[in-house]
Amino acid sequence: MSVDIFLGDSRELSTKMVLESSVDLIYTDPPYSKKYLYLYEWLAKESARVLKPNGFLIVYAGPYWKDAVMAYLNDYLQYFYDFILVHKGNTFILWPRRVISGYKSILCYHQQSRNPLPRTNVLGQWDGTGGDKRFHMWGQDENTARYYIDCFSKEGDLVVDYFVGGGTTAVVCKKLNRNFVGMENDKETYNIAKERIDGISPLEHCSQEVMELNI
């Protein structure tokens, strides 16, 4: 098992680090604001290149620009499901639309003209424990990542995160014995994530069957 993160722009690194049709799961969380929507377009195209025929893309998306995000994804991939992550405690307000959100989407896609299935049955709604901002201001909680990564991959699979941030996806993959490749373009954030990852040990035989007892 290998867990590797690289410093640099994922749009430049991916063509060097990730082979065509080699990835079992992309689990990633790009920034949500309008000025970063181009990243979702790139992600959709790159996912179509690197995913195995039965691989999945799982990507977080804020509700405000979800229609634009899905339009980009639909150009290159096939829609599978819109998983709903319910926020715990206080939530943000979308002031331009006067909406108290209370959730975000975790969109799931796969290669076009394919009909893959997850490793096990998957909850369509997940009650998150709240974002983890200790390592990055946009950080997500480990429990959510762990649940969906475990449902959509198995031990030894290759998982990729193009926006590593504080390293949550990498940490979960190391614990669950998944191979991992990640990319982060901010040096300070990269160093935080690397230190966090280095301090984690793999778990033995941690499967979804065990996790389901806690649902």
Protein backbone atom coordinates (compact mmCIF):
# COMPACT_ATOMS: atom_id res chain seq x y z
CA MET A 1 0.00 0.00 0.00
CA SER A 2 1.27 3.49 -0.85
CA VAL A 3 -0.05 6.89 0.22
CA ASP A 4 1.59 9.72 -1.72
CA ILE A 5 0.85 13.43 -1.98
CA PHE A 6 2.53 15.85 -4.36
CA LEU A 7 3.01 19.60 -4.20
CA GLY A 8 1.74 21.45 -7.26
CA ASP A 9 -1.24 22.20 -9.48
CA SER A 10 -3.29 19.05 -10.01
CA ARG A 11 -4.09 20.11 -13.56
CA GLU A 12 -0.38 19.82 -14.39
CA LEU A 13 0.51 16.91 -12.12
CA SER A 14 -2.29 14.53 -12.99
CA THR A 15 -1.06 13.80 -16.51
CA LYS A 16 2.34 12.85 -15.05
CA MET A 17 1.22 11.00 -11.92
CA VAL A 18 -2.05 9.28 -12.85
CA LEU A 19 -2.27 6.81 -15.69
CA GLU A 20 -5.25 6.48 -18.00
CA SER A 21 -7.93 4.06 -16.73
CA SER A 22 -6.00 3.35 -13.51
CA VAL A 23 -8.17 4.85 -10.75
CA ASP A 24 -10.86 3.02 -8.77
CA LEU A 25 -12.20 6.08 -6.94
CA ILE A 26 -11.73 9.83 -7.05
CA TYR A 27 -12.86 11.37 -3.77
CA THR A 28 -12.33 15.11 -3.71
CA ASP A 29 -13.59 18.47 -2.50
CA PRO A 30 -12.89 21.47 -4.78
CA PRO A 31 -13.68 25.03 -3.66
CA TYR A 32 -17.33 25.93 -4.24
CA SER A 33 -17.42 29.61 -5.27
CA LYS A 34 -18.24 30.74 -8.79
CA LYS A 35 -14.68 31.73 -9.64
CA TYR A 36 -13.56 28.10 -9.16
CA LEU A 37 -16.24 26.43 -11.29
CA TYR A 38 -13.66 25.85 -14.02
CA LEU A 39 -12.04 23.28 -11.72
CA TYR A 40 -15.16 21.12 -11.89
CA GLU A 41 -15.03 21.24 -15.68
CA TRP A 42 -11.39 20.13 -15.63
CA LEU A 43 -12.18 17.47 -13.00
CA ALA A 44 -14.95 16.01 -15.14
CA LYS A 45 -12.73 15.70 -18.18
CA GLU A 46 -9.79 14.31 -16.20
CA SER A 47 -12.00 11.81 -14.38
CA ALA A 48 -13.14 10.43 -17.72
CA ARG A 49 -9.48 9.89 -18.61
CA VAL A 50 -8.21 8.25 -15.42
CA LEU A 51 -11.16 6.26 -14.02
CA LYS A 52 -11.34 2.55 -14.61
CA PRO A 53 -14.47 1.34 -16.46
CA ASN A 54 -16.08 0.54 -13.10
CA GLY A 55 -14.55 3.44 -11.16
CA PHE A 56 -16.40 6.31 -9.51
CA LEU A 57 -15.98 10.04 -9.02
CA ILE A 58 -17.32 11.32 -5.69
CA VAL A 59 -17.11 15.10 -5.37
CA TYR A 60 -18.48 17.59 -2.85
CA ALA A 61 -20.57 20.46 -4.22
CA GLY A 62 -22.20 23.43 -2.56
CA PRO A 63 -25.91 23.93 -3.31
CA TYR A 64 -25.59 27.44 -4.79
CA TRP A 65 -23.83 26.44 -8.04
CA LYS A 66 -24.80 22.77 -8.12
CA ASP A 67 -26.61 23.11 -11.44
CA ALA A 68 -23.45 24.41 -13.11
CA VAL A 69 -21.31 21.72 -11.49
CA MET A 70 -23.64 18.96 -12.66
CA ALA A 71 -23.74 20.43 -16.17
CA TYR A 72 -19.95 20.12 -16.39
CA LEU A 73 -19.95 16.60 -14.99
CA ASN A 74 -22.75 15.49 -17.30
CA ASP A 75 -20.65 16.44 -20.35
CA TYR A 76 -18.05 13.77 -19.61
CA LEU A 77 -19.51 11.30 -17.12
CA GLN A 78 -22.70 9.45 -16.21
CA TYR A 79 -24.71 10.54 -13.16
CA PHE A 80 -25.06 7.91 -10.41
CA TYR A 81 -26.48 9.65 -7.32
CA ASP A 82 -26.69 12.86 -5.33
CA PHE A 83 -25.78 11.89 -1.77
CA ILE A 84 -26.88 14.41 0.85
CA LEU A 85 -24.56 15.37 3.71
CA VAL A 86 -26.62 16.93 6.51
CA HIS A 87 -24.81 19.56 8.53
CA LYS A 88 -24.53 19.12 12.27
CA GLY A 89 -25.28 22.12 14.49
CA ASN A 90 -25.02 25.62 13.03
CA THR A 91 -25.15 25.99 9.26
CA PHE A 92 -24.45 28.79 6.82
CA ILE A 93 -26.99 31.09 5.16
CA LEU A 94 -27.02 31.67 1.40
CA TRP A 95 -27.76 35.37 1.78
CA PRO A 96 -28.28 36.15 -1.95
CA ARG A 97 -31.16 33.63 -1.94
CA ARG A 98 -32.19 33.88 1.73
CA VAL A 99 -31.82 30.15 2.21
CA ILE A 100 -30.59 28.45 5.37
CA SER A 101 -28.86 25.55 3.70
CA GLY A 102 -28.36 22.78 6.25
CA TYR A 103 -26.74 20.37 3.77
CA LYS A 104 -24.36 19.92 0.88
CA SER A 105 -24.26 17.43 -1.97
CA ILE A 106 -21.74 14.66 -2.49
CA LEU A 107 -22.20 13.97 -6.18
CA CYS A 108 -21.37 10.55 -7.57
CA TYR A 109 -20.58 9.84 -11.24
CA HIS A 110 -18.96 7.10 -13.31
CA GLN A 111 -17.86 6.43 -16.86
CA GLN A 112 -20.47 6.87 -19.56
CA SER A 113 -22.09 3.71 -20.96
CA ARG A 114 -21.15 1.78 -17.82
CA ASN A 115 -23.28 0.52 -14.95
CA PRO A 116 -20.97 -0.07 -11.98
CA LEU A 117 -22.23 -0.56 -8.43
CA PRO A 118 -20.73 0.30 -5.04
CA ARG A 119 -19.17 -2.42 -2.93
CA THR A 120 -22.15 -2.47 -0.57
CA ASN A 121 -25.51 -0.75 -0.01
CA VAL A 122 -25.07 2.99 0.55
CA LEU A 123 -27.07 5.50 2.58
CA GLY A 124 -28.43 8.30 0.41
CA GLN A 125 -28.39 10.69 3.37
CA TRP A 126 -25.48 10.91 5.77
CA ASP A 127 -25.56 12.88 9.02
CA GLY A 128 -22.14 14.44 9.22
CA THR A 129 -20.28 15.27 12.40
CA GLY A 130 -19.51 18.75 11.09
CA GLY A 131 -16.54 20.00 9.09
CA ASP A 132 -13.09 19.53 10.63
CA LYS A 133 -11.29 22.88 10.34
CA ARG A 134 -8.22 21.93 12.40
CA PHE A 135 -6.08 21.28 9.34
CA HIS A 136 -7.72 23.47 6.68
CA MET A 137 -10.38 26.17 6.68
CA TRP A 138 -12.49 24.13 4.24
CA GLY A 139 -11.78 20.75 5.84
CA GLN A 140 -14.37 17.96 5.90
CA ASP A 141 -14.90 15.38 8.64
CA GLU A 142 -13.22 11.97 8.52
CA ASN A 143 -16.40 10.02 9.30
CA THR A 144 -18.14 11.07 6.09
CA ALA A 145 -15.10 10.43 3.93
CA ARG A 146 -14.53 7.09 5.60
CA TYR A 147 -18.10 5.95 5.01
CA TYR A 148 -18.23 6.73 1.29
CA ILE A 149 -14.67 5.65 0.52
CA ASP A 150 -15.39 2.32 2.21
CA CYS A 151 -18.65 1.87 0.30
CA PHE A 152 -17.13 2.66 -3.11
CA SER A 153 -13.72 0.98 -2.88
CA LYS A 154 -11.96 -2.02 -1.36
CA GLU A 155 -8.57 -2.69 0.19
CA GLY A 156 -5.76 -2.24 -2.32
CA ASP A 157 -7.77 0.02 -4.65
CA LEU A 158 -6.32 3.31 -5.92
CA VAL A 159 -8.04 6.46 -4.64
CA VAL A 160 -7.14 9.94 -5.92
CA ASP A 161 -7.82 13.37 -4.40
CA TYR A 162 -6.97 16.35 -6.62
CA PHE A 163 -7.55 18.91 -3.83
CA VAL A 164 -5.85 17.38 -0.77
CA GLY A 165 -6.27 20.34 1.58
CA GLY A 166 -5.66 19.18 5.15
CA GLY A 167 -5.34 15.56 4.06
CA THR A 168 -8.62 14.01 5.23
CA THR A 169 -9.03 11.73 2.21
CA ALA A 170 -5.41 10.58 2.44
CA VAL A 171 -5.72 9.83 6.16
CA VAL A 172 -8.87 7.78 5.61
CA CYS A 173 -7.27 5.85 2.75
CA LYS A 174 -4.25 5.02 4.88
CA LYS A 175 -6.50 3.77 7.67
CA LEU A 176 -8.57 1.68 5.26
CA ASN A 177 -5.57 0.24 3.38
CA ARG A 178 -6.27 1.96 0.07
CA ASN A 179 -3.51 3.15 -2.23
CA PHE A 180 -3.65 6.91 -2.55
CA VAL A 181 -2.37 9.71 -4.76
CA GLY A 182 -3.14 13.32 -3.85
CA MET A 183 -2.17 16.81 -4.98
CA GLU A 184 -2.09 20.15 -3.18
CA ASN A 185 -0.87 23.44 -4.64
CA ASP A 186 -0.32 25.40 -1.40
CA LYS A 187 3.01 24.58 0.25
CA GLU A 188 1.95 25.34 3.83
CA THR A 189 -1.20 23.23 3.47
CA TYR A 190 0.82 20.47 1.82
CA ASN A 191 3.22 20.37 4.79
CA ILE A 192 0.32 20.21 7.28
CA ALA A 193 -1.29 17.35 5.37
CA LYS A 194 1.98 15.42 5.03
CA GLU A 195 2.70 15.64 8.75
CA ARG A 196 -0.85 14.53 9.53
CA ILE A 197 -0.65 11.56 7.15
CA ASP A 198 2.74 10.44 8.46
CA GLY A 199 1.24 10.13 11.95
CA ILE A 200 -1.48 7.68 10.90
CA SER A 201 -1.24 3.88 11.01
CA PRO A 202 -3.35 1.52 8.86
CA LEU A 203 -6.19 -0.37 10.54
CA GLU A 204 -6.49 -4.12 10.23
CA HIS A 205 -9.48 -5.46 8.27
CA CYS A 206 -11.71 -2.40 8.74
CA SER A 207 -14.73 -3.17 6.59
CA GLN A 208 -18.15 -1.70 5.95
CA GLU A 209 -19.76 -4.63 7.76
CA VAL A 210 -18.13 -3.39 11.00
CA MET A 211 -19.00 0.25 10.33
CA GLU A 212 -22.68 -0.53 9.75
CA LEU A 213 -23.05 -1.51 13.40
CA ASN A 214 -22.61 2.16 14.30
CA ILE A 215 -25.22 3.55 11.91
